[in-house]
Amino acid sequence: GYHVFGQDTKASPILSFVSDKDSPEAVADYLWLSHKINCRSGLLCSPMGVHALGQDSVVRFSFGFYNTVEEVDIAVDALRRLRKEKL
């Protein structure tokens, strides 16, 4: 239910994606309000880049060296929960 953009998503700490059911803004709001997971949504200071992906808006996670595998797993579980709540 999510489309991840990029050729090799394992090589970059930045992950942009969209949901096939919810707007990027709704996904970002859900992650913050329900799970206190911070991410960005929108044009992300690169409207031409987002539009080149064929999108009006995307969700972006920007991981850093301080993020743990457990935190990534929590975010993935939250996105799975969102899918189940919307089905």
Protein backbone atom coordinates (compact mmCIF):
# COMPACT_ATOMS: atom_id res chain seq x y z
CA GLY A 1 0.00 0.00 0.00
CA TYR A 2 3.04 2.33 -0.08
CA HIS A 3 5.24 3.34 -2.99
CA VAL A 4 8.88 4.11 -2.13
CA PHE A 5 10.82 6.34 -4.51
CA GLY A 6 14.45 5.73 -5.41
CA GLN A 7 16.67 3.29 -7.19
CA ASP A 8 18.61 1.94 -4.20
CA THR A 9 16.81 2.82 -0.99
CA LYS A 10 19.41 0.92 1.07
CA ALA A 11 22.14 3.42 0.09
CA SER A 12 20.43 6.60 1.26
CA PRO A 13 19.35 7.83 4.70
CA ILE A 14 16.44 9.65 3.03
CA LEU A 15 13.30 7.72 2.20
CA SER A 16 10.43 9.33 0.28
CA PHE A 17 7.14 7.53 -0.22
CA VAL A 18 3.40 7.87 -0.78
CA SER A 19 0.40 5.85 0.32
CA ASP A 20 -2.11 4.58 -2.21
CA LYS A 21 -4.92 5.38 0.27
CA ASP A 22 -3.94 8.48 2.28
CA SER A 23 -2.45 11.85 1.42
CA PRO A 24 1.15 12.44 2.48
CA GLU A 25 -0.07 15.10 4.91
CA ALA A 26 -2.53 12.64 6.49
CA VAL A 27 0.23 10.02 6.86
CA ALA A 28 2.62 12.52 8.47
CA ASP A 29 -0.12 13.78 10.81
CA TYR A 30 -1.02 10.23 11.83
CA LEU A 31 2.60 9.30 12.52
CA TRP A 32 3.11 12.36 14.71
CA LEU A 33 -0.24 12.47 16.51
CA SER A 34 -0.56 8.72 17.12
CA HIS A 35 3.08 7.65 17.53
CA LYS A 36 5.21 10.81 17.98
CA ILE A 37 7.16 9.87 14.85
CA ASN A 38 8.52 12.95 13.14
CA CYS A 39 8.68 13.11 9.37
CA ARG A 40 7.94 15.70 6.69
CA SER A 41 5.33 15.85 4.01
CA GLY A 42 4.78 18.16 1.08
CA LEU A 43 7.09 19.44 -1.61
CA LEU A 44 10.10 19.25 0.75
CA CYS A 45 11.88 22.35 -0.57
CA SER A 46 12.05 20.70 -3.98
CA PRO A 47 8.80 21.14 -5.87
CA MET A 48 10.41 20.30 -9.20
CA GLY A 49 11.89 17.11 -7.75
CA VAL A 50 8.58 15.99 -6.24
CA HIS A 51 6.73 16.83 -9.45
CA ALA A 52 9.36 14.88 -11.44
CA LEU A 53 8.23 11.84 -9.43
CA GLY A 54 4.72 12.46 -10.71
CA GLN A 55 3.50 13.55 -7.27
CA ASP A 56 2.04 16.70 -5.76
CA SER A 57 3.40 15.75 -2.31
CA VAL A 58 5.39 12.96 -0.62
CA VAL A 59 6.28 11.78 2.89
CA ARG A 60 9.97 11.80 3.78
CA PHE A 61 11.91 10.11 6.54
CA SER A 62 15.43 11.47 7.03
CA PHE A 63 17.44 9.01 9.10
CA GLY A 64 20.61 9.94 10.94
CA PHE A 65 23.44 8.06 12.61
CA TYR A 66 21.59 8.39 15.91
CA ASN A 67 18.51 6.48 14.71
CA THR A 68 18.31 2.84 15.76
CA VAL A 69 16.99 -0.20 13.92
CA GLU A 70 14.32 -0.40 16.63
CA GLU A 71 13.12 3.12 15.73
CA VAL A 72 12.86 2.15 12.07
CA ASP A 73 10.87 -0.95 13.07
CA ILE A 74 8.52 1.23 15.14
CA ALA A 75 7.90 3.48 12.13
CA VAL A 76 7.22 0.49 9.87
CA ASP A 77 4.80 -0.95 12.44
CA ALA A 78 3.02 2.41 12.66
CA LEU A 79 2.62 2.50 8.87
CA ARG A 80 1.23 -1.05 8.98
CA ARG A 81 -1.24 0.03 11.66
CA LEU A 82 -2.35 2.96 9.53
CA ARG A 83 -3.07 0.59 6.63
CA LYS A 84 -5.15 -1.71 8.87
CA GLU A 85 -7.12 1.20 10.35
CA LYS A 86 -7.99 2.47 6.88
CA LEU A 87 -9.06 -0.89 5.40
